[in-house]
PDB file of N, CA and C in Angstrom:
ATOM      1  N   UNK A   1      31.203 -25.029 -69.688  1.00  0.00           N
ATOM      2  CA  UNK A   1      31.582 -25.528 -69.080  1.00  0.00           C
ATOM      3  C   UNK A   1      31.477 -25.634 -68.154  1.00  0.00           C
ATOM      4  N   UNK A   2      31.354 -26.838 -67.423  1.00  0.00           N
ATOM      5  CA  UNK A   2      31.764 -26.456 -65.676  1.00  0.00           C
ATOM      6  C   UNK A   2      32.203 -27.901 -65.489  1.00  0.00           C
ATOM      7  N   UNK A   3      33.194 -27.788 -65.007  1.00  0.00           N
ATOM      8  CA  UNK A   3      34.123 -29.834 -65.079  1.00  0.00           C
ATOM      9  C   UNK A   3      34.492 -29.534 -63.205  1.00  0.00           C
ATOM     10  N   UNK A   4      33.854 -30.883 -62.684  1.00  0.00           N
ATOM     11  CA  UNK A   4      34.132 -31.115 -61.241  1.00  0.00           C
ATOM     12  C   UNK A   4      35.109 -32.928 -61.153  1.00  0.00           C
ATOM     13  N   UNK A   5      36.298 -32.609 -61.067  1.00  0.00           N
ATOM     14  CA  UNK A   5      36.727 -34.056 -60.973  1.00  0.00           C
ATOM     15  C   UNK A   5      37.536 -33.841 -59.844  1.00  0.00           C
ATOM     16  N   UNK A   6      36.877 -34.496 -59.104  1.00  0.00           N
ATOM     17  CA  UNK A   6      37.293 -34.722 -57.661  1.00  0.00           C
ATOM     18  C   UNK A   6      38.057 -36.107 -57.571  1.00  0.00           C
ATOM     19  N   UNK A   7      38.321 -36.909 -58.542  1.00  0.00           N
ATOM     20  CA  UNK A   7      38.665 -38.258 -58.665  1.00  0.00           C
ATOM     21  C   UNK A   7      40.496 -37.851 -59.011  1.00  0.00           C
ATOM     22  N   UNK A   8      40.817 -37.576 -58.978  1.00  0.00           N
ATOM     23  CA  UNK A   8      41.983 -36.469 -59.775  1.00  0.00           C
ATOM     24  C   UNK A   8      43.239 -36.207 -58.442  1.00  0.00           C
ATOM     25  N   UNK A   9      44.341 -36.612 -58.496  1.00  0.00           N
ATOM     26  CA  UNK A   9      45.114 -36.037 -57.523  1.00  0.00           C
ATOM     27  C   UNK A   9      46.082 -34.947 -57.839  1.00  0.00           C
ATOM     28  N   UNK A  10      45.833 -33.349 -57.772  1.00  0.00           N
ATOM     29  CA  UNK A  10      44.683 -32.603 -56.725  1.00  0.00           C
ATOM     30  C   UNK A  10      42.988 -32.329 -58.109  1.00  0.00           C
ATOM     31  N   UNK A  11      42.345 -32.474 -57.402  1.00  0.00           N
ATOM     32  CA  UNK A  11      41.417 -31.817 -57.707  1.00  0.00           C
ATOM     33  C   UNK A  11      41.362 -30.724 -58.754  1.00  0.00           C
ATOM     34  N   UNK A  12      40.658 -31.149 -60.600  1.00  0.00           N
ATOM     35  CA  UNK A  12      40.153 -29.874 -60.668  1.00  0.00           C
ATOM     36  C   UNK A  12      38.636 -29.582 -61.108  1.00  0.00           C
ATOM     37  N   UNK A  13      38.697 -28.670 -60.608  1.00  0.00           N
ATOM     38  CA  UNK A  13      37.296 -27.575 -60.341  1.00  0.00           C
ATOM     39  C   UNK A  13      37.009 -26.267 -61.188  1.00  0.00           C
ATOM     40  N   UNK A  14      36.786 -26.415 -62.487  1.00  0.00           N
ATOM     41  CA  UNK A  14      36.803 -24.827 -62.963  1.00  0.00           C
ATOM     42  C   UNK A  14      35.154 -25.067 -63.901  1.00  0.00           C
ATOM     43  N   UNK A  15      35.251 -23.386 -64.803  1.00  0.00           N
ATOM     44  CA  UNK A  15      34.231 -22.541 -64.860  1.00  0.00           C
ATOM     45  C   UNK A  15      34.507 -22.112 -65.932  1.00  0.00           C
ATOM     46  N   UNK A  16      33.916 -22.499 -67.328  1.00  0.00           N
ATOM     47  CA  UNK A  16      34.237 -22.288 -68.354  1.00  0.00           C
ATOM     48  C   UNK A  16      33.455 -21.600 -69.237  1.00  0.00           C
ATOM     49  N   UNK A  17      33.381 -19.666 -69.928  1.00  0.00           N
ATOM     50  CA  UNK A  17      32.121 -19.418 -71.117  1.00  0.00           C
ATOM     51  C   UNK A  17      32.834 -18.803 -72.022  1.00  0.00           C
ATOM     52  N   UNK A  18      32.751 -19.278 -73.063  1.00  0.00           N
ATOM     53  CA  UNK A  18      33.146 -19.143 -74.051  1.00  0.00           C
ATOM     54  C   UNK A  18      32.464 -18.231 -74.824  1.00  0.00           C
ATOM     55  N   UNK A  19      32.718 -16.879 -75.451  1.00  0.00           N
ATOM     56  CA  UNK A  19      32.112 -16.662 -76.810  1.00  0.00           C
ATOM     57  C   UNK A  19      32.903 -16.513 -77.864  1.00  0.00           C
ATOM     58  N   UNK A  20      31.765 -15.955 -78.291  1.00  0.00           N
ATOM     59  CA  UNK A  20      32.829 -15.349 -79.971  1.00  0.00           C
ATOM     60  C   UNK A  20      33.891 -14.576 -79.680  1.00  0.00           C
ATOM     61  N   UNK A  21      34.330 -13.519 -78.888  1.00  0.00           N
ATOM     62  CA  UNK A  21      35.296 -12.782 -78.924  1.00  0.00           C
ATOM     63  C   UNK A  21      36.170 -13.318 -77.790  1.00  0.00           C
ATOM     64  N   UNK A  22      36.202 -14.192 -77.008  1.00  0.00           N
ATOM     65  CA  UNK A  22      36.968 -14.135 -76.215  1.00  0.00           C
ATOM     66  C   UNK A  22      36.743 -15.157 -74.824  1.00  0.00           C
ATOM     67  N   UNK A  23      36.997 -15.455 -73.862  1.00  0.00           N
ATOM     68  CA  UNK A  23      36.390 -16.707 -72.633  1.00  0.00           C
ATOM     69  C   UNK A  23      36.175 -15.966 -71.540  1.00  0.00           C
ATOM     70  N   UNK A  24      35.713 -16.257 -70.618  1.00  0.00           N
ATOM     71  CA  UNK A  24      36.586 -16.429 -69.069  1.00  0.00           C
ATOM     72  C   UNK A  24      36.211 -17.586 -68.485  1.00  0.00           C
ATOM     73  N   UNK A  25      37.128 -18.011 -67.303  1.00  0.00           N
ATOM     74  CA  UNK A  25      37.491 -19.123 -66.763  1.00  0.00           C
ATOM     75  C   UNK A  25      37.389 -19.070 -65.126  1.00  0.00           C
ATOM     76  N   UNK A  26      37.093 -19.961 -64.463  1.00  0.00           N
ATOM     77  CA  UNK A  26      37.379 -19.335 -62.775  1.00  0.00           C
ATOM     78  C   UNK A  26      37.808 -21.613 -62.570  1.00  0.00           C
ATOM     79  N   UNK A  27      39.185 -21.048 -62.132  1.00  0.00           N
ATOM     80  CA  UNK A  27      40.196 -21.884 -62.027  1.00  0.00           C
ATOM     81  C   UNK A  27      39.362 -22.177 -59.864  1.00  0.00           C
ATOM     82  N   UNK A  28      39.244 -23.000 -59.530  1.00  0.00           N
ATOM     83  CA  UNK A  28      39.517 -23.308 -58.100  1.00  0.00           C
ATOM     84  C   UNK A  28      40.641 -23.882 -57.615  1.00  0.00           C
ATOM     85  N   UNK A  29      40.580 -23.600 -56.468  1.00  0.00           N
ATOM     86  CA  UNK A  29      42.404 -23.521 -56.136  1.00  0.00           C
ATOM     87  C   UNK A  29      43.607 -23.652 -57.248  1.00  0.00           C
ATOM     88  N   UNK A  30      43.579 -22.785 -57.833  1.00  0.00           N
ATOM     89  CA  UNK A  30      44.282 -22.954 -59.052  1.00  0.00           C
ATOM     90  C   UNK A  30      45.674 -23.040 -58.486  1.00  0.00           C
ATOM     91  N   UNK A  31      46.000 -22.330 -56.592  1.00  0.00           N
ATOM     92  CA  UNK A  31      47.791 -22.257 -56.446  1.00  0.00           C
ATOM     93  C   UNK A  31      47.544 -22.765 -55.258  1.00  0.00           C
ATOM     94  N   UNK A  32      48.689 -22.450 -54.196  1.00  0.00           N
ATOM     95  CA  UNK A  32      48.455 -22.249 -53.101  1.00  0.00           C
ATOM     96  C   UNK A  32      47.593 -21.100 -52.476  1.00  0.00           C
ATOM     97  N   UNK A  33      47.875 -19.674 -53.314  1.00  0.00           N
ATOM     98  CA  UNK A  33      47.785 -17.795 -53.105  1.00  0.00           C
ATOM     99  C   UNK A  33      46.165 -18.796 -53.366  1.00  0.00           C
ATOM    100  N   UNK A  34      45.455 -19.305 -53.917  1.00  0.00           N
ATOM    101  CA  UNK A  34      43.397 -19.355 -54.085  1.00  0.00           C
ATOM    102  C   UNK A  34      42.996 -19.335 -55.517  1.00  0.00           C
ATOM    103  N   UNK A  35      42.337 -18.517 -56.048  1.00  0.00           N
ATOM    104  CA  UNK A  35      41.488 -19.560 -57.027  1.00  0.00           C
ATOM    105  C   UNK A  35      41.464 -18.193 -57.990  1.00  0.00           C
ATOM    106  N   UNK A  36      41.419 -18.783 -59.350  1.00  0.00           N
ATOM    107  CA  UNK A  36      42.250 -17.809 -60.648  1.00  0.00           C
ATOM    108  C   UNK A  36      40.631 -17.084 -61.151  1.00  0.00           C
ATOM    109  N   UNK A  37      40.639 -16.285 -61.884  1.00  0.00           N
ATOM    110  CA  UNK A  37      39.886 -16.180 -63.119  1.00  0.00           C
ATOM    111  C   UNK A  37      40.430 -15.579 -63.965  1.00  0.00           C
ATOM    112  N   UNK A  38      40.339 -16.666 -65.212  1.00  0.00           N
ATOM    113  CA  UNK A  38      41.376 -16.134 -66.280  1.00  0.00           C
ATOM    114  C   UNK A  38      40.523 -15.704 -67.634  1.00  0.00           C
ATOM    115  N   UNK A  39      40.987 -14.519 -68.385  1.00  0.00           N
ATOM    116  CA  UNK A  39      39.864 -14.276 -69.040  1.00  0.00           C
ATOM    117  C   UNK A  39      40.461 -13.527 -70.541  1.00  0.00           C
ATOM    118  N   UNK A  40      40.207 -13.793 -71.510  1.00  0.00           N
ATOM    119  CA  UNK A  40      40.765 -13.268 -73.344  1.00  0.00           C
ATOM    120  C   UNK A  40      39.701 -12.734 -74.042  1.00  0.00           C
ATOM    121  N   UNK A  41      39.754 -11.306 -74.370  1.00  0.00           N
ATOM    122  CA  UNK A  41      38.771 -10.683 -75.309  1.00  0.00           C
ATOM    123  C   UNK A  41      39.831 -10.414 -76.777  1.00  0.00           C
ATOM    124  N   UNK A  42      38.628 -10.689 -77.353  1.00  0.00           N
ATOM    125  CA  UNK A  42      39.710 -10.588 -79.149  1.00  0.00           C
ATOM    126  C   UNK A  42      40.432 -10.883 -78.627  1.00  0.00           C
ATOM    127  N   UNK A  43      41.825 -10.398 -80.047  1.00  0.00           N
ATOM    128  CA  UNK A  43      42.800 -11.329 -79.924  1.00  0.00           C
ATOM    129  C   UNK A  43      44.031 -11.222 -78.695  1.00  0.00           C
ATOM    130  N   UNK A  44      43.623 -10.060 -77.732  1.00  0.00           N
ATOM    131  CA  UNK A  44      44.641  -9.901 -76.768  1.00  0.00           C
ATOM    132  C   UNK A  44      45.124 -10.919 -76.129  1.00  0.00           C
ATOM    133  N   UNK A  45      45.801 -11.059 -75.100  1.00  0.00           N
ATOM    134  CA  UNK A  45      46.621 -12.315 -74.213  1.00  0.00           C
ATOM    135  C   UNK A  45      45.801 -12.326 -73.318  1.00  0.00           C
ATOM    136  N   UNK A  46      45.832 -13.339 -72.509  1.00  0.00           N
ATOM    137  CA  UNK A  46      45.124 -14.056 -72.020  1.00  0.00           C
ATOM    138  C   UNK A  46      45.420 -13.122 -70.535  1.00  0.00           C
ATOM    139  N   UNK A  47      44.693 -13.190 -69.740  1.00  0.00           N
ATOM    140  CA  UNK A  47      44.995 -12.027 -68.487  1.00  0.00           C
ATOM    141  C   UNK A  47      44.762 -13.194 -67.247  1.00  0.00           C
ATOM    142  N   UNK A  48      44.842 -13.186 -66.177  1.00  0.00           N
ATOM    143  CA  UNK A  48      45.087 -14.364 -65.219  1.00  0.00           C
ATOM    144  C   UNK A  48      44.997 -13.035 -63.714  1.00  0.00           C
ATOM    145  N   UNK A  49      44.182 -13.368 -62.559  1.00  0.00           N
ATOM    146  CA  UNK A  49      43.834 -13.101 -61.504  1.00  0.00           C
ATOM    147  C   UNK A  49      43.485 -14.327 -60.485  1.00  0.00           C
ATOM    148  N   UNK A  50      44.728 -13.956 -59.551  1.00  0.00           N
ATOM    149  CA  UNK A  50      44.246 -14.875 -58.282  1.00  0.00           C
ATOM    150  C   UNK A  50      43.359 -13.714 -57.444  1.00  0.00           C
ATOM    151  N   UNK A  51      42.455 -15.348 -56.833  1.00  0.00           N
ATOM    152  CA  UNK A  51      42.004 -14.178 -55.715  1.00  0.00           C
ATOM    153  C   UNK A  51      41.736 -15.497 -54.393  1.00  0.00           C
ATOM    154  N   UNK A  52      42.695 -14.241 -53.750  1.00  0.00           N
ATOM    155  CA  UNK A  52      43.505 -14.902 -52.426  1.00  0.00           C
ATOM    156  C   UNK A  52      41.902 -15.247 -51.320  1.00  0.00           C
ATOM    157  N   UNK A  53      42.226 -16.703 -51.416  1.00  0.00           N
ATOM    158  CA  UNK A  53      42.036 -17.725 -50.316  1.00  0.00           C
ATOM    159  C   UNK A  53      42.574 -19.135 -49.702  1.00  0.00           C
ATOM    160  N   UNK A  54      41.949 -19.695 -48.636  1.00  0.00           N
ATOM    161  CA  UNK A  54      42.268 -21.091 -48.694  1.00  0.00           C
ATOM    162  C   UNK A  54      41.161 -22.447 -48.733  1.00  0.00           C
ATOM    163  N   UNK A  55      41.744 -23.124 -48.381  1.00  0.00           N
ATOM    164  CA  UNK A  55      41.240 -24.374 -48.770  1.00  0.00           C
ATOM    165  C   UNK A  55      40.075 -24.088 -48.264  1.00  0.00           C
ATOM    166  N   UNK A  56      40.163 -23.768 -46.622  1.00  0.00           N
ATOM    167  CA  UNK A  56      38.945 -23.696 -45.703  1.00  0.00           C
ATOM    168  C   UNK A  56      38.152 -22.507 -46.178  1.00  0.00           C
ATOM    169  N   UNK A  57      38.149 -22.520 -47.026  1.00  0.00           N
ATOM    170  CA  UNK A  57      37.267 -20.802 -47.188  1.00  0.00           C
ATOM    171  C   UNK A  57      35.953 -21.228 -48.334  1.00  0.00           C
ATOM    172  N   UNK A  58      36.324 -23.110 -48.863  1.00  0.00           N
ATOM    173  CA  UNK A  58      35.812 -23.470 -49.741  1.00  0.00           C
ATOM    174  C   UNK A  58      34.088 -24.213 -49.203  1.00  0.00           C
ATOM    175  N   UNK A  59      34.058 -24.099 -47.539  1.00  0.00           N
ATOM    176  CA  UNK A  59      32.795 -24.299 -46.967  1.00  0.00           C
ATOM    177  C   UNK A  59      32.784 -22.927 -46.053  1.00  0.00           C
ATOM    178  N   UNK A  60      33.285 -22.412 -46.519  1.00  0.00           N
ATOM    179  CA  UNK A  60      32.616 -20.984 -45.328  1.00  0.00           C
ATOM    180  C   UNK A  60      31.080 -21.088 -45.356  1.00  0.00           C
ATOM    181  N   UNK A  61      30.146 -20.176 -46.522  1.00  0.00           N
ATOM    182  CA  UNK A  61      29.325 -20.420 -46.938  1.00  0.00           C
ATOM    183  C   UNK A  61      28.581 -21.310 -46.111  1.00  0.00           C
ATOM    184  N   UNK A  62      28.670 -23.013 -47.041  1.00  0.00           N
ATOM    185  CA  UNK A  62      27.735 -23.926 -46.187  1.00  0.00           C
ATOM    186  C   UNK A  62      27.892 -23.720 -44.476  1.00  0.00           C
ATOM    187  N   UNK A  63      28.900 -23.280 -44.122  1.00  0.00           N
ATOM    188  CA  UNK A  63      28.921 -23.301 -42.905  1.00  0.00           C
ATOM    189  C   UNK A  63      28.238 -22.428 -42.066  1.00  0.00           C
ATOM    190  N   UNK A  64      28.366 -21.725 -42.452  1.00  0.00           N
ATOM    191  CA  UNK A  64      27.498 -20.062 -41.894  1.00  0.00           C
ATOM    192  C   UNK A  64      26.207 -19.912 -42.763  1.00  0.00           C
ATOM    193  N   UNK A  65      25.742 -20.753 -43.348  1.00  0.00           N
ATOM    194  CA  UNK A  65      24.062 -21.195 -43.568  1.00  0.00           C
ATOM    195  C   UNK A  65      23.843 -22.456 -42.725  1.00  0.00           C
ATOM    196  N   UNK A  66      24.167 -23.288 -42.429  1.00  0.00           N
ATOM    197  CA  UNK A  66      23.730 -24.256 -41.508  1.00  0.00           C
ATOM    198  C   UNK A  66      23.887 -24.169 -40.289  1.00  0.00           C
ATOM    199  N   UNK A  67      24.533 -22.367 -39.805  1.00  0.00           N
ATOM    200  CA  UNK A  67      24.503 -21.599 -38.642  1.00  0.00           C
ATOM    201  C   UNK A  67      23.035 -21.274 -38.322  1.00  0.00           C
ATOM    202  N   UNK A  68      23.316 -20.615 -39.212  1.00  0.00           N
ATOM    203  CA  UNK A  68      21.676 -19.637 -39.505  1.00  0.00           C
ATOM    204  C   UNK A  68      20.148 -20.904 -39.480  1.00  0.00           C
ATOM    205  N   UNK A  69      20.707 -21.790 -40.081  1.00  0.00           N
ATOM    206  CA  UNK A  69      19.564 -22.305 -39.776  1.00  0.00           C
ATOM    207  C   UNK A  69      19.134 -23.367 -38.246  1.00  0.00           C
ATOM    208  N   UNK A  70      20.412 -23.287 -37.524  1.00  0.00           N
ATOM    209  CA  UNK A  70      20.518 -23.809 -35.901  1.00  0.00           C
ATOM    210  C   UNK A  70      19.615 -22.616 -35.226  1.00  0.00           C
ATOM    211  N   UNK A  71      20.217 -21.773 -35.713  1.00  0.00           N
ATOM    212  CA  UNK A  71      19.941 -20.456 -34.871  1.00  0.00           C
ATOM    213  C   UNK A  71      18.471 -19.947 -35.133  1.00  0.00           C
ATOM    214  N   UNK A  72      17.976 -20.425 -35.931  1.00  0.00           N
ATOM    215  CA  UNK A  72      16.356 -20.374 -36.365  1.00  0.00           C
ATOM    216  C   UNK A  72      16.328 -18.743 -37.320  1.00  0.00           C
ATOM    217  N   UNK A  73      17.227 -18.348 -37.741  1.00  0.00           N
ATOM    218  CA  UNK A  73      17.461 -17.487 -38.464  1.00  0.00           C
ATOM    219  C   UNK A  73      17.053 -17.461 -40.310  1.00  0.00           C
ATOM    220  N   UNK A  74      17.272 -19.113 -40.584  1.00  0.00           N
ATOM    221  CA  UNK A  74      16.704 -19.400 -42.050  1.00  0.00           C
ATOM    222  C   UNK A  74      15.630 -20.971 -41.318  1.00  0.00           C
ATOM    223  N   UNK A  75      14.645 -20.360 -41.996  1.00  0.00           N
ATOM    224  CA  UNK A  75      13.366 -21.151 -41.588  1.00  0.00           C
ATOM    225  C   UNK A  75      13.329 -22.178 -42.985  1.00  0.00           C
ATOM    226  N   UNK A  76      13.295 -21.809 -44.038  1.00  0.00           N
ATOM    227  CA  UNK A  76      13.675 -22.415 -45.630  1.00  0.00           C
ATOM    228  C   UNK A  76      14.789 -23.141 -45.838  1.00  0.00           C
ATOM    229  N   UNK A  77      15.567 -24.218 -46.315  1.00  0.00           N
ATOM    230  CA  UNK A  77      16.721 -24.121 -47.122  1.00  0.00           C
ATOM    231  C   UNK A  77      17.111 -25.259 -47.905  1.00  0.00           C
ATOM    232  N   UNK A  78      17.418 -25.460 -48.716  1.00  0.00           N
ATOM    233  CA  UNK A  78      17.970 -25.822 -50.017  1.00  0.00           C
ATOM    234  C   UNK A  78      18.441 -27.153 -49.423  1.00  0.00           C
ATOM    235  N   UNK A  79      19.553 -27.083 -48.163  1.00  0.00           N
ATOM    236  CA  UNK A  79      20.203 -27.677 -48.236  1.00  0.00           C
ATOM    237  C   UNK A  79      18.941 -29.025 -46.984  1.00  0.00           C
ATOM    238  N   UNK A  80      18.597 -30.009 -47.053  1.00  0.00           N
ATOM    239  CA  UNK A  80      18.286 -30.784 -46.842  1.00  0.00           C
ATOM    240  C   UNK A  80      18.682 -32.707 -45.996  1.00  0.00           C
ATOM    241  N   UNK A  81      18.737 -32.313 -44.431  1.00  0.00           N
ATOM    242  CA  UNK A  81      19.192 -33.949 -44.377  1.00  0.00           C
ATOM    243  C   UNK A  81      18.957 -35.091 -45.763  1.00  0.00           C
ATOM    244  N   UNK A  82      17.702 -35.075 -46.466  1.00  0.00           N
ATOM    245  CA  UNK A  82      17.289 -36.539 -46.758  1.00  0.00           C
ATOM    246  C   UNK A  82      18.186 -36.259 -48.180  1.00  0.00           C
ATOM    247  N   UNK A  83      18.790 -34.988 -48.365  1.00  0.00           N
ATOM    248  CA  UNK A  83      19.434 -35.218 -49.845  1.00  0.00           C
ATOM    249  C   UNK A  83      20.439 -35.075 -49.277  1.00  0.00           C
ATOM    250  N   UNK A  84      21.420 -34.986 -48.205  1.00  0.00           N
ATOM    251  CA  UNK A  84      22.913 -35.359 -47.973  1.00  0.00           C
ATOM    252  C   UNK A  84      22.608 -36.947 -47.795  1.00  0.00           C
ATOM    253  N   UNK A  85      21.542 -37.577 -47.162  1.00  0.00           N
ATOM    254  CA  UNK A  85      21.695 -38.853 -47.216  1.00  0.00           C
ATOM    255  C   UNK A  85      21.323 -39.374 -48.390  1.00  0.00           C
ATOM    256  N   UNK A  86      20.665 -39.390 -49.276  1.00  0.00           N
ATOM    257  CA  UNK A  86      20.368 -39.192 -50.811  1.00  0.00           C
ATOM    258  C   UNK A  86      22.197 -39.593 -51.443  1.00  0.00           C
ATOM    259  N   UNK A  87      22.506 -38.571 -51.332  1.00  0.00           N
ATOM    260  CA  UNK A  87      23.940 -38.600 -51.932  1.00  0.00           C
ATOM    261  C   UNK A  87      24.773 -39.287 -51.538  1.00  0.00           C
ATOM    262  N   UNK A  88      24.971 -39.734 -49.527  1.00  0.00           N
ATOM    263  CA  UNK A  88      25.739 -40.685 -49.264  1.00  0.00           C
ATOM    264  C   UNK A  88      25.201 -42.043 -49.886  1.00  0.00           C
ATOM    265  N   UNK A  89      23.788 -42.292 -50.396  1.00  0.00           N
ATOM    266  CA  UNK A  89      23.428 -43.638 -51.049  1.00  0.00           C
ATOM    267  C   UNK A  89      23.805 -44.158 -52.590  1.00  0.00           C
ATOM    268  N   UNK A  90      23.845 -42.519 -52.910  1.00  0.00           N
ATOM    269  CA  UNK A  90      24.969 -42.724 -54.512  1.00  0.00           C
ATOM    270  C   UNK A  90      26.619 -42.747 -54.239  1.00  0.00           C
ATOM    271  N   UNK A  91      26.957 -42.286 -52.972  1.00  0.00           N
ATOM    272  CA  UNK A  91      28.348 -42.864 -52.819  1.00  0.00           C
ATOM    273  C   UNK A  91      28.930 -44.128 -52.421  1.00  0.00           C
ATOM    274  N   UNK A  92      27.814 -44.662 -51.745  1.00  0.00           N
ATOM    275  CA  UNK A  92      28.004 -46.234 -51.302  1.00  0.00           C
ATOM    276  C   UNK A  92      28.343 -47.243 -52.480  1.00  0.00           C
ATOM    277  N   UNK A  93      27.295 -46.736 -52.764  1.00  0.00           N
ATOM    278  CA  UNK A  93      26.982 -47.618 -54.090  1.00  0.00           C
ATOM    279  C   UNK A  93      28.031 -47.291 -55.211  1.00  0.00           C
ATOM    280  N   UNK A  94      28.444 -46.051 -55.483  1.00  0.00           N
ATOM    281  CA  UNK A  94      29.465 -45.919 -56.001  1.00  0.00           C
ATOM    282  C   UNK A  94      30.436 -46.918 -55.534  1.00  0.00           C
ATOM    283  N   UNK A  95      31.057 -47.078 -54.168  1.00  0.00           N
ATOM    284  CA  UNK A  95      32.201 -47.608 -53.683  1.00  0.00           C
ATOM    285  C   UNK A  95      31.363 -49.333 -54.045  1.00  0.00           C
ATOM    286  N   UNK A  96      30.722 -49.827 -53.813  1.00  0.00           N
ATOM    287  CA  UNK A  96      30.404 -51.259 -54.133  1.00  0.00           C
ATOM    288  C   UNK A  96      30.989 -51.756 -55.226  1.00  0.00           C
ATOM    289  N   UNK A  97      30.038 -50.668 -55.953  1.00  0.00           N
ATOM    290  CA  UNK A  97      30.065 -50.846 -57.653  1.00  0.00           C
ATOM    291  C   UNK A  97      31.799 -51.117 -58.166  1.00  0.00           C
ATOM    292  N   UNK A  98      32.647 -50.404 -57.346  1.00  0.00           N
ATOM    293  CA  UNK A  98      33.840 -50.684 -57.692  1.00  0.00           C
ATOM    294  C   UNK A  98      34.479 -51.613 -57.218  1.00  0.00           C
ATOM    295  N   UNK A  99      33.777 -52.415 -56.018  1.00  0.00           N
ATOM    296  CA  UNK A  99      34.392 -53.697 -55.471  1.00  0.00           C
ATOM    297  C   UNK A  99      34.441 -54.742 -55.839  1.00  0.00           C
ATOM    298  N   UNK A 100      33.230 -55.022 -56.729  1.00  0.00           N
ATOM    299  CA  UNK A 100      32.188 -55.397 -56.823  1.00  0.00           C
ATOM    300  C   UNK A 100      32.491 -55.758 -58.410  1.00  0.00           C
ATOM    301  N   UNK A 101      32.359 -54.826 -59.044  1.00  0.00           N
ATOM    302  CA  UNK A 101      33.061 -54.720 -60.474  1.00  0.00           C
ATOM    303  C   UNK A 101      30.998 -54.607 -60.966  1.00  0.00           C
ATOM    304  N   UNK A 102      30.511 -54.570 -60.580  1.00  0.00           N
ATOM    305  CA  UNK A 102      29.064 -54.948 -61.799  1.00  0.00           C
ATOM    306  C   UNK A 102      27.819 -53.050 -61.056  1.00  0.00           C
ATOM    307  N   UNK A 103      27.028 -53.346 -61.944  1.00  0.00           N
ATOM    308  CA  UNK A 103      25.874 -52.321 -61.429  1.00  0.00           C
ATOM    309  C   UNK A 103      25.662 -52.329 -60.104  1.00  0.00           C
ATOM    310  N   UNK A 104      25.478 -51.774 -59.734  1.00  0.00           N
ATOM    311  CA  UNK A 104      24.437 -51.524 -58.350  1.00  0.00           C
ATOM    312  C   UNK A 104      23.003 -50.519 -58.471  1.00  0.00           C
ATOM    313  N   UNK A 105      21.656 -51.097 -57.894  1.00  0.00           N
ATOM    314  CA  UNK A 105      20.493 -50.919 -57.367  1.00  0.00           C
ATOM    315  C   UNK A 105      20.152 -50.009 -56.206  1.00  0.00           C
ATOM    316  N   UNK A 106      20.037 -48.803 -56.013  1.00  0.00           N
ATOM    317  CA  UNK A 106      19.356 -48.377 -54.876  1.00  0.00           C
ATOM    318  C   UNK A 106      17.908 -48.288 -54.709  1.00  0.00           C
ATOM    319  N   UNK A 107      17.363 -49.379 -53.893  1.00  0.00           N
ATOM    320  CA  UNK A 107      16.093 -49.254 -53.140  1.00  0.00           C
ATOM    321  C   UNK A 107      15.933 -48.828 -52.184  1.00  0.00           C
ATOM    322  N   UNK A 108      15.420 -47.529 -52.117  1.00  0.00           N
ATOM    323  CA  UNK A 108      14.532 -45.829 -51.513  1.00  0.00           C
ATOM    324  C   UNK A 108      13.535 -46.207 -50.503  1.00  0.00           C
ATOM    325  N   UNK A 109      13.188 -47.683 -50.920  1.00  0.00           N
ATOM    326  CA  UNK A 109      11.629 -48.502 -50.124  1.00  0.00           C
ATOM    327  C   UNK A 109      12.371 -48.995 -48.806  1.00  0.00           C
ATOM    328  N   UNK A 110      13.160 -49.387 -48.739  1.00  0.00           N
ATOM    329  CA  UNK A 110      14.537 -49.805 -47.950  1.00  0.00           C
ATOM    330  C   UNK A 110      15.065 -48.810 -46.364  1.00  0.00           C
ATOM    331  N   UNK A 111      14.553 -47.583 -47.311  1.00  0.00           N
ATOM    332  CA  UNK A 111      15.010 -46.912 -46.806  1.00  0.00           C
ATOM    333  C   UNK A 111      16.509 -46.443 -46.643  1.00  0.00           C
ATOM    334  N   UNK A 112      17.634 -45.641 -45.874  1.00  0.00           N
ATOM    335  CA  UNK A 112      18.790 -45.702 -45.986  1.00  0.00           C
ATOM    336  C   UNK A 112      19.324 -46.388 -45.355  1.00  0.00           C
ATOM    337  N   UNK A 113      19.776 -47.902 -46.014  1.00  0.00           N
ATOM    338  CA  UNK A 113      20.774 -48.759 -45.484  1.00  0.00           C
ATOM    339  C   UNK A 113      21.268 -49.833 -46.496  1.00  0.00           C
ATOM    340  N   UNK A 114      22.910 -49.935 -46.134  1.00  0.00           N
ATOM    341  CA  UNK A 114      23.597 -50.645 -46.998  1.00  0.00           C
ATOM    342  C   UNK A 114      22.415 -51.698 -47.851  1.00  0.00           C
ATOM    343  N   UNK A 115      21.813 -52.267 -46.864  1.00  0.00           N
ATOM    344  CA  UNK A 115      21.171 -53.986 -47.771  1.00  0.00           C
ATOM    345  C   UNK A 115      19.923 -53.118 -48.336  1.00  0.00           C
ATOM    346  N   UNK A 116      19.934 -51.998 -48.753  1.00  0.00           N
ATOM    347  CA  UNK A 116      19.279 -51.010 -50.135  1.00  0.00           C
ATOM    348  C   UNK A 116      20.190 -51.306 -51.134  1.00  0.00           C
ATOM    349  N   UNK A 117      21.082 -51.201 -50.870  1.00  0.00           N
ATOM    350  CA  UNK A 117      21.833 -51.969 -52.474  1.00  0.00           C
ATOM    351  C   UNK A 117      21.789 -52.926 -52.978  1.00  0.00           C
ATOM    352  N   UNK A 118      21.891 -53.096 -54.127  1.00  0.00           N
ATOM    353  CA  UNK A 118      22.022 -54.461 -54.689  1.00  0.00           C
ATOM    354  C   UNK A 118      22.598 -54.436 -55.518  1.00  0.00           C
ATOM    355  N   UNK A 119      23.329 -55.401 -56.049  1.00  0.00           N
ATOM    356  CA  UNK A 119      23.907 -55.536 -57.396  1.00  0.00           C
ATOM    357  C   UNK A 119      23.007 -55.540 -58.854  1.00  0.00           C
ATOM    358  N   UNK A 120      23.239 -56.002 -59.696  1.00  0.00           N
ATOM    359  CA  UNK A 120      21.830 -55.758 -60.887  1.00  0.00           C
ATOM    360  C   UNK A 120      23.127 -56.825 -61.928  1.00  0.00           C
TER     361      UNK A 120
END
């Protein structure tokens, strides 16, 4: 199971792998000290290991990847401006849907303009 709830405060992000003899969980920003890995095997008690990190570390690898793109060290990337714009259109449509209390539709043939989002 993967759960990413960024609406609640504080946000909750976690991963759980359940097996026949136990489980493994990863909790992002478990506490002020970092992420946590929690596991349990057989009938033993659960173990928790906090991995030290700061909130700014959450985006460290993305920023490093973007730096490599700008330096020309990465020629092909799964991160694209178009995917970012697509994501922002979905976020804008979600905000409009909440404000107007109606289902929204994105017409991508009109480009990345707010008038491409209309209520249904």
